[in-house]
Amino acid sequence: MEKKFPSHKDHLNKTFLEEMGYKLWSTKGARFQAAHRLARIDKLSNLSLGLLNAYLIIIGLLSVYQISNEAAINENVIAFGSTSISILLLLFGQIETSREYKRQSQLYHECALKLAKLYNEHRTFKTLTERSQREKAEFSNSIADRYQEVLANYANHEDIDYKKFLLLNHEYFELKFRQVIQYHVQYYFKVLFVYHAIIISPIGVFALFLAQKG
C-alpha cells in the first residue's frame, strides 16, 4: 500500500513539481525569518552596548560624586566593578562586531527575495495554463537547478528560523499546543534572553544599591 503523508506534508503525496513548490515556500519563509532574527539581534546588540557604556559611566560617577557610603558599597568595589565591566564591554563589543548581524540579515533577505521570485514563477506556471508532461518535466528540472544555485550562494538558516516559520503557520503544520509553547521558549532563549539580561540586570543591581542606601 502506498504511504500517505499528513495534510501538511501533502506535497509528498504529489508530483516533484508540487514538492518543489513546497520547498520554495518553506525555505523562503525560513530565510525571511533568519533575516528578521538577525536584524532584531543587531538592534538589541547596539542597545546593549550603549547601555553598558552608560552603566559604566554611572558606576564611575558613584565614586566621583561620593554617592556611595561604606555601609552601602566600598569604593574599591566600585573601582573593581568599573574595571571588570570595561573589560567585559570590550570583549562583548569585539564579539558582537565580528558577527556582522546587519550584513548577515541583508544577505538572508536577499536570498529570500530570490527564492520568492522563483516561487512566484512556480505558482504562475502551475496555475495559469495547462501544461504537457514534457513542459512540466523541463520546468521542474529548471527551477530545481535554479533553487540549488540560490542555496549554494548563501549560508543556511538556523533550525530556530525554521521553527519560527512553523509558528507563523502553526495551523497549516498542525502544531500541538505543547509544540507552540516549546518553540516560543526556545526562540526566546536562543535569540533574546542574553540581551534582555544585559539590559535589565544592571537596573536590578542599581535598584538594590539604592534600597540599601535608603
N, C-alpha and C. Protein backbone atom coordinates (compact mmCIF):
# COMPACT_ATOMS: atom_id res chain seq x y z
N MET A 1 0.85 -1.20 0.00
CA MET A 1 0.00 0.00 0.00
C MET A 1 0.89 1.25 0.00
N GLU A 2 0.53 2.23 -0.84
CA GLU A 2 1.31 3.45 -0.94
C GLU A 2 1.17 4.27 0.34
N LYS A 3 2.29 4.77 0.83
CA LYS A 3 2.28 5.54 2.07
C LYS A 3 1.68 6.91 1.82
N LYS A 4 0.76 7.33 2.71
CA LYS A 4 0.15 8.64 2.63
C LYS A 4 0.66 9.49 3.79
N PHE A 5 1.00 10.74 3.47
CA PHE A 5 1.51 11.65 4.48
C PHE A 5 0.38 12.53 5.00
N PRO A 6 0.54 13.13 6.20
CA PRO A 6 -0.47 14.02 6.75
C PRO A 6 -0.66 15.25 5.87
N SER A 7 -1.73 16.01 6.14
CA SER A 7 -2.11 17.11 5.25
C SER A 7 -1.02 18.14 5.06
N HIS A 8 -0.25 18.46 6.12
CA HIS A 8 0.79 19.48 5.96
C HIS A 8 2.00 18.95 5.19
N LYS A 9 2.01 17.63 4.89
CA LYS A 9 3.05 17.05 4.03
C LYS A 9 2.43 16.50 2.76
N ASP A 10 1.31 17.09 2.38
CA ASP A 10 0.58 16.58 1.22
C ASP A 10 1.38 16.67 -0.07
N HIS A 11 2.36 17.60 -0.10
CA HIS A 11 3.19 17.73 -1.30
C HIS A 11 3.97 16.44 -1.58
N LEU A 12 4.23 15.66 -0.52
CA LEU A 12 4.97 14.40 -0.70
C LEU A 12 4.10 13.32 -1.33
N ASN A 13 2.79 13.54 -1.32
CA ASN A 13 1.88 12.60 -1.97
C ASN A 13 1.72 12.90 -3.45
N LYS A 14 2.28 14.05 -3.89
CA LYS A 14 2.04 14.52 -5.25
C LYS A 14 3.31 14.46 -6.09
N THR A 15 3.37 15.32 -7.09
CA THR A 15 4.47 15.28 -8.06
C THR A 15 5.69 16.04 -7.57
N PHE A 16 6.79 15.88 -8.29
CA PHE A 16 8.01 16.62 -7.97
C PHE A 16 7.78 18.12 -8.09
N LEU A 17 6.95 18.53 -9.04
CA LEU A 17 6.64 19.95 -9.22
C LEU A 17 5.96 20.51 -7.97
N GLU A 18 5.03 19.74 -7.40
CA GLU A 18 4.36 20.16 -6.17
C GLU A 18 5.36 20.22 -5.01
N GLU A 19 6.25 19.26 -4.97
CA GLU A 19 7.24 19.23 -3.90
C GLU A 19 8.18 20.43 -3.99
N MET A 20 8.54 20.83 -5.21
CA MET A 20 9.40 22.00 -5.39
C MET A 20 8.69 23.26 -4.91
N GLY A 21 7.40 23.33 -5.13
CA GLY A 21 6.64 24.48 -4.66
C GLY A 21 6.71 24.61 -3.14
N TYR A 22 6.59 23.47 -2.47
CA TYR A 22 6.67 23.48 -1.00
C TYR A 22 8.08 23.87 -0.54
N LYS A 23 9.10 23.33 -1.19
CA LYS A 23 10.48 23.66 -0.81
C LYS A 23 10.74 25.16 -0.97
N LEU A 24 10.28 25.72 -2.07
CA LEU A 24 10.48 27.15 -2.30
C LEU A 24 9.76 27.97 -1.23
N TRP A 25 8.53 27.59 -0.93
CA TRP A 25 7.73 28.32 0.05
C TRP A 25 8.33 28.25 1.44
N SER A 26 8.70 27.06 1.88
CA SER A 26 9.21 26.89 3.24
C SER A 26 10.62 27.47 3.41
N THR A 27 11.47 27.27 2.42
CA THR A 27 12.83 27.81 2.52
C THR A 27 12.82 29.32 2.47
N LYS A 28 12.02 29.87 1.58
CA LYS A 28 11.87 31.33 1.51
C LYS A 28 11.39 31.88 2.85
N GLY A 29 10.40 31.22 3.45
CA GLY A 29 9.89 31.67 4.73
C GLY A 29 10.92 31.61 5.83
N ALA A 30 11.70 30.54 5.87
CA ALA A 30 12.75 30.40 6.89
C ALA A 30 13.85 31.44 6.70
N ARG A 31 14.19 31.75 5.44
CA ARG A 31 15.23 32.75 5.19
C ARG A 31 14.75 34.15 5.58
N PHE A 32 13.48 34.45 5.33
CA PHE A 32 12.94 35.73 5.78
C PHE A 32 12.99 35.82 7.31
N GLN A 33 12.70 34.72 7.98
CA GLN A 33 12.76 34.70 9.44
C GLN A 33 14.20 34.86 9.94
N ALA A 34 15.15 34.28 9.21
CA ALA A 34 16.56 34.45 9.57
C ALA A 34 16.97 35.92 9.45
N ALA A 35 16.52 36.56 8.38
CA ALA A 35 16.82 37.98 8.19
C ALA A 35 16.20 38.82 9.31
N HIS A 36 14.97 38.50 9.66
CA HIS A 36 14.28 39.23 10.74
C HIS A 36 14.98 39.01 12.08
N ARG A 37 15.38 37.78 12.34
CA ARG A 37 16.07 37.47 13.61
C ARG A 37 17.36 38.24 13.75
N LEU A 38 18.17 38.25 12.69
CA LEU A 38 19.46 38.92 12.76
C LEU A 38 19.32 40.44 12.81
N ALA A 39 18.31 40.98 12.14
CA ALA A 39 18.05 42.42 12.22
C ALA A 39 17.65 42.80 13.64
N ARG A 40 16.86 41.95 14.26
CA ARG A 40 16.44 42.19 15.64
C ARG A 40 17.62 42.09 16.60
N ILE A 41 18.47 41.09 16.39
CA ILE A 41 19.66 40.94 17.23
C ILE A 41 20.59 42.13 17.07
N ASP A 42 20.72 42.63 15.84
CA ASP A 42 21.58 43.79 15.58
C ASP A 42 21.12 44.99 16.40
N LYS A 43 19.81 45.23 16.44
CA LYS A 43 19.28 46.35 17.22
C LYS A 43 19.50 46.14 18.72
N LEU A 44 19.24 44.92 19.19
CA LEU A 44 19.44 44.62 20.61
C LEU A 44 20.92 44.70 21.00
N SER A 45 21.78 44.28 20.08
CA SER A 45 23.22 44.33 20.34
C SER A 45 23.69 45.77 20.50
N ASN A 46 23.26 46.64 19.60
CA ASN A 46 23.63 48.05 19.68
C ASN A 46 23.07 48.70 20.95
N LEU A 47 21.82 48.35 21.28
CA LEU A 47 21.22 48.88 22.50
C LEU A 47 21.97 48.40 23.74
N SER A 48 22.35 47.13 23.76
CA SER A 48 23.07 46.57 24.90
C SER A 48 24.43 47.25 25.08
N LEU A 49 25.15 47.44 23.98
CA LEU A 49 26.46 48.10 24.06
C LEU A 49 26.32 49.53 24.55
N GLY A 50 25.30 50.24 24.06
CA GLY A 50 25.07 51.61 24.50
C GLY A 50 24.75 51.69 25.98
N LEU A 51 23.88 50.79 26.45
CA LEU A 51 23.50 50.80 27.86
C LEU A 51 24.65 50.37 28.76
N LEU A 52 25.46 49.42 28.30
CA LEU A 52 26.62 49.02 29.10
C LEU A 52 27.60 50.18 29.27
N ASN A 53 27.78 50.97 28.22
CA ASN A 53 28.62 52.17 28.33
C ASN A 53 28.02 53.15 29.32
N ALA A 54 26.70 53.31 29.27
CA ALA A 54 26.02 54.22 30.19
C ALA A 54 26.16 53.73 31.64
N TYR A 55 25.99 52.41 31.84
CA TYR A 55 26.13 51.85 33.18
C TYR A 55 27.55 52.06 33.71
N LEU A 56 28.52 51.93 32.82
CA LEU A 56 29.92 52.11 33.21
C LEU A 56 30.17 53.55 33.68
N ILE A 57 29.60 54.50 32.97
CA ILE A 57 29.75 55.92 33.35
C ILE A 57 29.08 56.17 34.70
N ILE A 58 27.90 55.58 34.88
CA ILE A 58 27.17 55.77 36.14
C ILE A 58 27.96 55.22 37.32
N ILE A 59 28.58 54.06 37.14
CA ILE A 59 29.40 53.48 38.21
C ILE A 59 30.55 54.41 38.57
N GLY A 60 31.17 55.01 37.53
CA GLY A 60 32.25 55.96 37.79
C GLY A 60 31.77 57.18 38.55
N LEU A 61 30.56 57.63 38.24
CA LEU A 61 30.02 58.81 38.91
C LEU A 61 29.72 58.56 40.38
N LEU A 62 29.44 57.31 40.74
CA LEU A 62 29.20 56.99 42.15
C LEU A 62 30.39 57.40 43.01
N SER A 63 31.58 57.15 42.48
CA SER A 63 32.79 57.49 43.21
C SER A 63 33.11 58.98 43.12
N VAL A 64 32.94 59.56 41.93
CA VAL A 64 33.27 60.97 41.71
C VAL A 64 32.43 61.88 42.61
N TYR A 65 31.13 61.60 42.68
CA TYR A 65 30.24 62.44 43.47
C TYR A 65 30.00 61.90 44.87
N GLN A 66 30.74 60.84 45.22
CA GLN A 66 30.67 60.25 46.56
C GLN A 66 29.23 59.92 46.96
N ILE A 67 28.54 59.32 46.01
CA ILE A 67 27.16 58.93 46.27
C ILE A 67 27.12 57.72 47.18
N SER A 68 28.11 56.85 47.05
CA SER A 68 28.15 55.64 47.87
C SER A 68 28.68 55.95 49.26
N ASN A 69 28.40 55.06 50.18
CA ASN A 69 28.98 55.16 51.50
C ASN A 69 29.48 53.79 51.92
N GLU A 70 30.23 53.74 53.01
CA GLU A 70 30.85 52.48 53.43
C GLU A 70 29.81 51.41 53.74
N ALA A 71 28.65 51.86 54.26
CA ALA A 71 27.62 50.89 54.62
C ALA A 71 27.00 50.27 53.39
N ALA A 72 26.92 51.06 52.33
CA ALA A 72 26.25 50.56 51.12
C ALA A 72 27.22 49.81 50.23
N ILE A 73 28.36 50.46 49.92
CA ILE A 73 29.30 49.82 48.99
C ILE A 73 30.66 50.48 49.11
N ASN A 74 31.71 49.72 49.11
CA ASN A 74 33.06 50.23 49.25
C ASN A 74 33.55 50.78 47.92
N GLU A 75 34.39 51.84 47.98
CA GLU A 75 34.91 52.45 46.75
C GLU A 75 35.79 51.48 45.98
N ASN A 76 36.48 50.60 46.68
CA ASN A 76 37.29 49.59 45.99
C ASN A 76 36.42 48.65 45.17
N VAL A 77 35.24 48.37 45.70
CA VAL A 77 34.30 47.52 44.96
C VAL A 77 33.83 48.24 43.71
N ILE A 78 33.59 49.56 43.83
CA ILE A 78 33.18 50.35 42.67
C ILE A 78 34.27 50.34 41.61
N ALA A 79 35.53 50.54 42.04
CA ALA A 79 36.65 50.55 41.10
C ALA A 79 36.80 49.19 40.42
N PHE A 80 36.69 48.13 41.22
CA PHE A 80 36.79 46.78 40.66
C PHE A 80 35.65 46.51 39.68
N GLY A 81 34.44 46.91 40.07
CA GLY A 81 33.28 46.70 39.19
C GLY A 81 33.42 47.47 37.89
N SER A 82 33.91 48.71 37.98
CA SER A 82 34.09 49.53 36.79
C SER A 82 35.11 48.92 35.84
N THR A 83 36.23 48.45 36.40
CA THR A 83 37.27 47.82 35.57
C THR A 83 36.77 46.53 34.94
N SER A 84 36.06 45.73 35.72
CA SER A 84 35.54 44.46 35.21
C SER A 84 34.56 44.68 34.07
N ILE A 85 33.66 45.63 34.26
CA ILE A 85 32.67 45.92 33.21
C ILE A 85 33.36 46.45 31.96
N SER A 86 34.42 47.26 32.14
CA SER A 86 35.16 47.78 30.99
C SER A 86 35.75 46.65 30.16
N ILE A 87 36.34 45.67 30.84
CA ILE A 87 36.94 44.52 30.14
C ILE A 87 35.86 43.71 29.44
N LEU A 88 34.77 43.43 30.15
CA LEU A 88 33.67 42.66 29.56
C LEU A 88 33.04 43.40 28.39
N LEU A 89 32.92 44.71 28.52
CA LEU A 89 32.35 45.52 27.45
C LEU A 89 33.22 45.48 26.21
N LEU A 90 34.53 45.56 26.39
CA LEU A 90 35.46 45.49 25.27
C LEU A 90 35.35 44.14 24.57
N LEU A 91 35.34 43.06 25.35
CA LEU A 91 35.24 41.71 24.78
C LEU A 91 33.90 41.51 24.08
N PHE A 92 32.83 41.90 24.75
CA PHE A 92 31.49 41.75 24.18
C PHE A 92 31.35 42.55 22.89
N GLY A 93 31.89 43.77 22.89
CA GLY A 93 31.82 44.61 21.70
C GLY A 93 32.56 44.01 20.52
N GLN A 94 33.74 43.43 20.77
CA GLN A 94 34.51 42.80 19.70
C GLN A 94 33.78 41.59 19.13
N ILE A 95 33.20 40.79 20.02
CA ILE A 95 32.48 39.59 19.57
C ILE A 95 31.26 39.99 18.73
N GLU A 96 30.49 40.94 19.23
CA GLU A 96 29.28 41.36 18.53
C GLU A 96 29.60 41.99 17.18
N THR A 97 30.64 42.81 17.13
CA THR A 97 31.02 43.46 15.87
C THR A 97 31.46 42.43 14.83
N SER A 98 32.20 41.41 15.28
CA SER A 98 32.72 40.40 14.35
C SER A 98 31.61 39.56 13.72
N ARG A 99 30.45 39.50 14.35
CA ARG A 99 29.36 38.67 13.83
C ARG A 99 28.58 39.33 12.70
N GLU A 100 28.73 40.62 12.53
CA GLU A 100 28.14 41.34 11.39
C GLU A 100 26.66 40.99 11.19
N TYR A 101 25.88 41.19 12.22
CA TYR A 101 24.47 40.82 12.17
C TYR A 101 23.72 41.53 11.04
N LYS A 102 23.99 42.81 10.88
CA LYS A 102 23.27 43.59 9.87
C LYS A 102 23.55 43.06 8.47
N ARG A 103 24.81 42.78 8.17
CA ARG A 103 25.18 42.27 6.85
C ARG A 103 24.57 40.88 6.62
N GLN A 104 24.63 40.03 7.64
CA GLN A 104 24.04 38.70 7.51
C GLN A 104 22.54 38.78 7.27
N SER A 105 21.90 39.71 7.96
CA SER A 105 20.46 39.90 7.77
C SER A 105 20.15 40.30 6.34
N GLN A 106 20.95 41.20 5.79
CA GLN A 106 20.75 41.64 4.41
C GLN A 106 20.94 40.49 3.42
N LEU A 107 21.92 39.64 3.68
CA LEU A 107 22.17 38.50 2.79
C LEU A 107 21.01 37.51 2.82
N TYR A 108 20.50 37.22 4.02
CA TYR A 108 19.36 36.31 4.12
C TYR A 108 18.13 36.90 3.44
N HIS A 109 17.95 38.20 3.59
CA HIS A 109 16.81 38.86 2.95
C HIS A 109 16.95 38.80 1.43
N GLU A 110 18.15 39.01 0.96
CA GLU A 110 18.43 38.92 -0.48
C GLU A 110 18.13 37.52 -1.00
N CYS A 111 18.56 36.51 -0.25
CA CYS A 111 18.31 35.12 -0.62
C CYS A 111 16.81 34.84 -0.65
N ALA A 112 16.09 35.31 0.37
CA ALA A 112 14.64 35.08 0.44
C ALA A 112 13.92 35.72 -0.74
N LEU A 113 14.36 36.90 -1.15
CA LEU A 113 13.74 37.57 -2.30
C LEU A 113 13.95 36.78 -3.59
N LYS A 114 15.13 36.21 -3.75
CA LYS A 114 15.39 35.39 -4.94
C LYS A 114 14.52 34.13 -4.94
N LEU A 115 14.38 33.53 -3.76
CA LEU A 115 13.51 32.35 -3.65
C LEU A 115 12.05 32.73 -3.88
N ALA A 116 11.66 33.91 -3.41
CA ALA A 116 10.29 34.38 -3.62
C ALA A 116 10.00 34.56 -5.11
N LYS A 117 11.00 35.04 -5.85
CA LYS A 117 10.84 35.20 -7.29
C LYS A 117 10.64 33.85 -7.96
N LEU A 118 11.43 32.85 -7.56
CA LEU A 118 11.26 31.50 -8.10
C LEU A 118 9.90 30.92 -7.71
N TYR A 119 9.48 31.19 -6.49
CA TYR A 119 8.19 30.68 -6.01
C TYR A 119 7.04 31.28 -6.83
N ASN A 120 7.12 32.58 -7.10
CA ASN A 120 6.08 33.23 -7.90
C ASN A 120 6.07 32.68 -9.33
N GLU A 121 7.25 32.42 -9.85
CA GLU A 121 7.34 31.82 -11.19
C GLU A 121 6.72 30.43 -11.19
N HIS A 122 6.98 29.68 -10.13
CA HIS A 122 6.40 28.34 -9.99
C HIS A 122 4.88 28.40 -9.92
N ARG A 123 4.37 29.35 -9.13
CA ARG A 123 2.92 29.49 -8.99
C ARG A 123 2.27 29.89 -10.32
N THR A 124 2.93 30.78 -11.05
CA THR A 124 2.41 31.21 -12.34
C THR A 124 2.35 30.04 -13.32
N PHE A 125 3.43 29.29 -13.39
CA PHE A 125 3.48 28.14 -14.29
C PHE A 125 2.41 27.12 -13.94
N LYS A 126 2.21 26.91 -12.66
CA LYS A 126 1.31 25.87 -12.19
C LYS A 126 -0.17 26.21 -12.38
N THR A 127 -0.53 27.47 -12.26
CA THR A 127 -1.95 27.84 -12.17
C THR A 127 -2.54 28.48 -13.42
N LEU A 128 -1.73 29.14 -14.23
CA LEU A 128 -2.32 29.94 -15.31
C LEU A 128 -2.80 29.12 -16.50
N THR A 129 -2.01 28.16 -16.94
CA THR A 129 -2.39 27.39 -18.14
C THR A 129 -2.09 25.91 -17.94
N GLU A 130 -2.75 25.10 -18.74
CA GLU A 130 -2.48 23.66 -18.74
C GLU A 130 -1.14 23.39 -19.43
N ARG A 131 -0.38 22.49 -18.87
CA ARG A 131 0.94 22.18 -19.43
C ARG A 131 1.03 20.69 -19.74
N SER A 132 1.84 20.40 -20.76
CA SER A 132 2.09 18.99 -21.09
C SER A 132 3.06 18.40 -20.08
N GLN A 133 3.14 17.08 -20.04
CA GLN A 133 4.06 16.42 -19.12
C GLN A 133 5.51 16.80 -19.41
N ARG A 134 5.81 16.95 -20.70
CA ARG A 134 7.17 17.32 -21.07
C ARG A 134 7.51 18.73 -20.56
N GLU A 135 6.57 19.66 -20.71
CA GLU A 135 6.79 21.03 -20.23
C GLU A 135 6.96 21.04 -18.70
N LYS A 136 6.15 20.23 -18.03
CA LYS A 136 6.25 20.15 -16.57
C LYS A 136 7.60 19.60 -16.14
N ALA A 137 8.07 18.58 -16.85
CA ALA A 137 9.36 17.98 -16.51
C ALA A 137 10.50 18.96 -16.73
N GLU A 138 10.46 19.67 -17.88
CA GLU A 138 11.51 20.64 -18.18
C GLU A 138 11.51 21.79 -17.17
N PHE A 139 10.33 22.27 -16.84
CA PHE A 139 10.24 23.37 -15.87
C PHE A 139 10.70 22.92 -14.48
N SER A 140 10.31 21.72 -14.09
CA SER A 140 10.70 21.19 -12.78
C SER A 140 12.21 21.09 -12.66
N ASN A 141 12.86 20.57 -13.69
CA ASN A 141 14.32 20.46 -13.67
C ASN A 141 14.98 21.84 -13.65
N SER A 142 14.41 22.77 -14.42
CA SER A 142 14.97 24.12 -14.49
C SER A 142 14.88 24.83 -13.14
N ILE A 143 13.70 24.79 -12.55
CA ILE A 143 13.52 25.53 -11.30
C ILE A 143 14.26 24.85 -10.15
N ALA A 144 14.40 23.52 -10.21
CA ALA A 144 15.18 22.81 -9.19
C ALA A 144 16.65 23.21 -9.26
N ASP A 145 17.17 23.34 -10.48
CA ASP A 145 18.57 23.75 -10.65
C ASP A 145 18.78 25.17 -10.14
N ARG A 146 17.85 26.07 -10.46
CA ARG A 146 17.99 27.46 -10.02
C ARG A 146 17.82 27.58 -8.50
N TYR A 147 16.98 26.74 -7.95
CA TYR A 147 16.81 26.69 -6.49
C TYR A 147 18.12 26.29 -5.82
N GLN A 148 18.77 25.27 -6.35
CA GLN A 148 20.05 24.83 -5.79
C GLN A 148 21.14 25.88 -5.97
N GLU A 149 21.10 26.60 -7.07
CA GLU A 149 22.09 27.66 -7.30
C GLU A 149 21.95 28.77 -6.26
N VAL A 150 20.72 29.15 -5.95
CA VAL A 150 20.49 30.17 -4.93
C VAL A 150 21.00 29.70 -3.58
N LEU A 151 20.67 28.46 -3.21
CA LEU A 151 21.09 27.94 -1.91
C LEU A 151 22.61 27.85 -1.81
N ALA A 152 23.26 27.54 -2.92
CA ALA A 152 24.72 27.38 -2.91
C ALA A 152 25.45 28.69 -2.65
N ASN A 153 24.78 29.81 -2.91
CA ASN A 153 25.42 31.12 -2.78
C ASN A 153 25.19 31.79 -1.43
N TYR A 154 24.44 31.14 -0.56
CA TYR A 154 24.12 31.74 0.74
C TYR A 154 24.25 30.71 1.85
N ALA A 155 24.56 31.22 3.04
CA ALA A 155 24.64 30.33 4.21
C ALA A 155 23.25 29.80 4.56
N ASN A 156 23.23 28.62 5.13
CA ASN A 156 21.96 28.02 5.52
C ASN A 156 21.39 28.74 6.74
N HIS A 157 20.08 28.78 6.84
CA HIS A 157 19.45 29.36 8.03
C HIS A 157 19.58 28.39 9.20
N GLU A 158 19.31 28.87 10.39
CA GLU A 158 19.38 28.02 11.58
C GLU A 158 18.05 27.33 11.82
N ASP A 159 18.12 26.27 12.60
CA ASP A 159 16.92 25.49 12.91
C ASP A 159 15.85 26.35 13.58
N ILE A 160 16.28 27.33 14.39
CA ILE A 160 15.33 28.18 15.10
C ILE A 160 14.53 29.05 14.12
N ASP A 161 15.12 29.36 12.96
CA ASP A 161 14.42 30.14 11.95
C ASP A 161 13.28 29.33 11.33
N TYR A 162 13.55 28.06 11.09
CA TYR A 162 12.50 27.20 10.54
C TYR A 162 11.39 27.00 11.57
N LYS A 163 11.77 26.89 12.85
CA LYS A 163 10.75 26.74 13.89
C LYS A 163 9.88 27.99 13.99
N LYS A 164 10.49 29.16 13.80
CA LYS A 164 9.71 30.40 13.80
C LYS A 164 8.75 30.42 12.62
N PHE A 165 9.19 29.93 11.48
CA PHE A 165 8.33 29.80 10.30
C PHE A 165 7.17 28.86 10.60
N LEU A 166 7.46 27.76 11.28
CA LEU A 166 6.40 26.83 11.67
C LEU A 166 5.39 27.50 12.58
N LEU A 167 5.87 28.32 13.51
CA LEU A 167 4.97 29.02 14.43
C LEU A 167 4.03 29.97 13.70
N LEU A 168 4.56 30.65 12.70
CA LEU A 168 3.74 31.59 11.94
C LEU A 168 2.69 30.88 11.09
N ASN A 169 2.91 29.60 10.85
CA ASN A 169 1.97 28.79 10.06
C ASN A 169 1.54 27.56 10.86
N HIS A 170 1.30 27.76 12.16
CA HIS A 170 1.07 26.63 13.06
C HIS A 170 -0.19 25.84 12.71
N GLU A 171 -1.19 26.52 12.14
CA GLU A 171 -2.41 25.80 11.78
C GLU A 171 -2.15 24.86 10.60
N TYR A 172 -1.42 25.35 9.61
CA TYR A 172 -1.10 24.52 8.45
C TYR A 172 -0.27 23.30 8.85
N PHE A 173 0.71 23.53 9.74
CA PHE A 173 1.59 22.44 10.15
C PHE A 173 1.02 21.61 11.29
N GLU A 174 -0.18 21.96 11.72
CA GLU A 174 -0.89 21.19 12.75
C GLU A 174 -0.05 21.01 14.01
N LEU A 175 0.57 22.13 14.45
CA LEU A 175 1.37 22.07 15.67
C LEU A 175 0.47 21.91 16.89
N LYS A 176 0.91 21.09 17.81
CA LYS A 176 0.18 20.95 19.07
C LYS A 176 0.52 22.13 19.99
N PHE A 177 -0.35 22.37 20.95
CA PHE A 177 -0.14 23.49 21.88
C PHE A 177 1.22 23.37 22.57
N ARG A 178 1.60 22.17 22.95
CA ARG A 178 2.89 21.95 23.60
C ARG A 178 4.04 22.36 22.70
N GLN A 179 3.94 22.05 21.41
CA GLN A 179 5.00 22.43 20.46
C GLN A 179 5.08 23.94 20.29
N VAL A 180 3.93 24.60 20.24
CA VAL A 180 3.91 26.06 20.10
C VAL A 180 4.63 26.71 21.27
N ILE A 181 4.30 26.29 22.49
CA ILE A 181 4.95 26.84 23.69
C ILE A 181 6.44 26.52 23.67
N GLN A 182 6.78 25.29 23.33
CA GLN A 182 8.19 24.87 23.30
C GLN A 182 8.99 25.70 22.32
N TYR A 183 8.48 25.93 21.12
CA TYR A 183 9.21 26.70 20.11
C TYR A 183 9.34 28.17 20.51
N HIS A 184 8.30 28.73 21.13
CA HIS A 184 8.38 30.12 21.60
C HIS A 184 9.46 30.26 22.67
N VAL A 185 9.50 29.32 23.60
CA VAL A 185 10.51 29.36 24.67
C VAL A 185 11.91 29.20 24.09
N GLN A 186 12.08 28.25 23.16
CA GLN A 186 13.38 28.05 22.52
C GLN A 186 13.83 29.30 21.78
N TYR A 187 12.90 29.94 21.09
CA TYR A 187 13.24 31.15 20.33
C TYR A 187 13.69 32.26 21.29
N TYR A 188 12.97 32.41 22.38
CA TYR A 188 13.32 33.48 23.33
C TYR A 188 14.73 33.28 23.89
N PHE A 189 15.03 32.08 24.36
CA PHE A 189 16.33 31.84 24.97
C PHE A 189 17.46 31.82 23.94
N LYS A 190 17.16 31.43 22.72
CA LYS A 190 18.17 31.40 21.67
C LYS A 190 18.49 32.80 21.15
N VAL A 191 17.47 33.66 21.06
CA VAL A 191 17.62 34.94 20.37
C VAL A 191 17.65 36.14 21.31
N LEU A 192 16.80 36.16 22.32
CA LEU A 192 16.55 37.38 23.08
C LEU A 192 17.10 37.39 24.50
N PHE A 193 17.21 36.25 25.13
CA PHE A 193 17.46 36.19 26.57
C PHE A 193 18.74 36.93 26.98
N VAL A 194 19.85 36.67 26.29
CA VAL A 194 21.14 37.27 26.67
C VAL A 194 21.05 38.79 26.67
N TYR A 195 20.44 39.35 25.64
CA TYR A 195 20.36 40.80 25.53
C TYR A 195 19.42 41.39 26.57
N HIS A 196 18.31 40.73 26.82
CA HIS A 196 17.41 41.20 27.87
C HIS A 196 18.10 41.16 29.23
N ALA A 197 18.90 40.12 29.47
CA ALA A 197 19.63 40.02 30.74
C ALA A 197 20.64 41.15 30.88
N ILE A 198 21.35 41.46 29.78
CA ILE A 198 22.34 42.54 29.80
C ILE A 198 21.67 43.88 30.06
N ILE A 199 20.51 44.09 29.47
CA ILE A 199 19.81 45.37 29.59
C ILE A 199 19.17 45.53 30.97
N ILE A 200 18.57 44.47 31.49
CA ILE A 200 17.75 44.58 32.69
C ILE A 200 18.53 44.34 33.98
N SER A 201 19.49 43.42 33.97
CA SER A 201 20.20 43.04 35.20
C SER A 201 20.85 44.22 35.93
N PRO A 202 21.58 45.12 35.23
CA PRO A 202 22.18 46.25 35.94
C PRO A 202 21.14 47.15 36.61
N ILE A 203 19.96 47.25 36.01
CA ILE A 203 18.90 48.06 36.63
C ILE A 203 18.52 47.47 37.98
N GLY A 204 18.46 46.14 38.04
CA GLY A 204 18.16 45.47 39.31
C GLY A 204 19.24 45.71 40.34
N VAL A 205 20.51 45.70 39.89
CA VAL A 205 21.63 45.93 40.80
C VAL A 205 21.58 47.35 41.37
N PHE A 206 21.31 48.34 40.50
CA PHE A 206 21.21 49.72 40.95
C PHE A 206 20.03 49.90 41.91
N ALA A 207 18.93 49.24 41.62
CA ALA A 207 17.76 49.33 42.49
C ALA A 207 18.08 48.76 43.87
N LEU A 208 18.82 47.65 43.90
CA LEU A 208 19.23 47.05 45.17
C LEU A 208 20.17 47.98 45.93
N PHE A 209 21.09 48.62 45.20
CA PHE A 209 22.02 49.56 45.81
C PHE A 209 21.29 50.73 46.45
N LEU A 210 20.33 51.30 45.72
CA LEU A 210 19.56 52.43 46.24
C LEU A 210 18.72 52.03 47.44
N ALA A 211 18.21 50.80 47.40
CA ALA A 211 17.41 50.32 48.53
C ALA A 211 18.27 50.19 49.79
N GLN A 212 19.50 49.69 49.62
CA GLN A 212 20.42 49.56 50.75
C GLN A 212 20.84 50.93 51.28
N LYS A 213 21.04 51.86 50.35
CA LYS A 213 21.46 53.22 50.74
C LYS A 213 20.36 53.93 51.50
N GLY A 214 19.09 53.66 51.05
CA GLY A 214 17.97 54.29 51.74
C GLY A 214 17.76 53.69 53.11
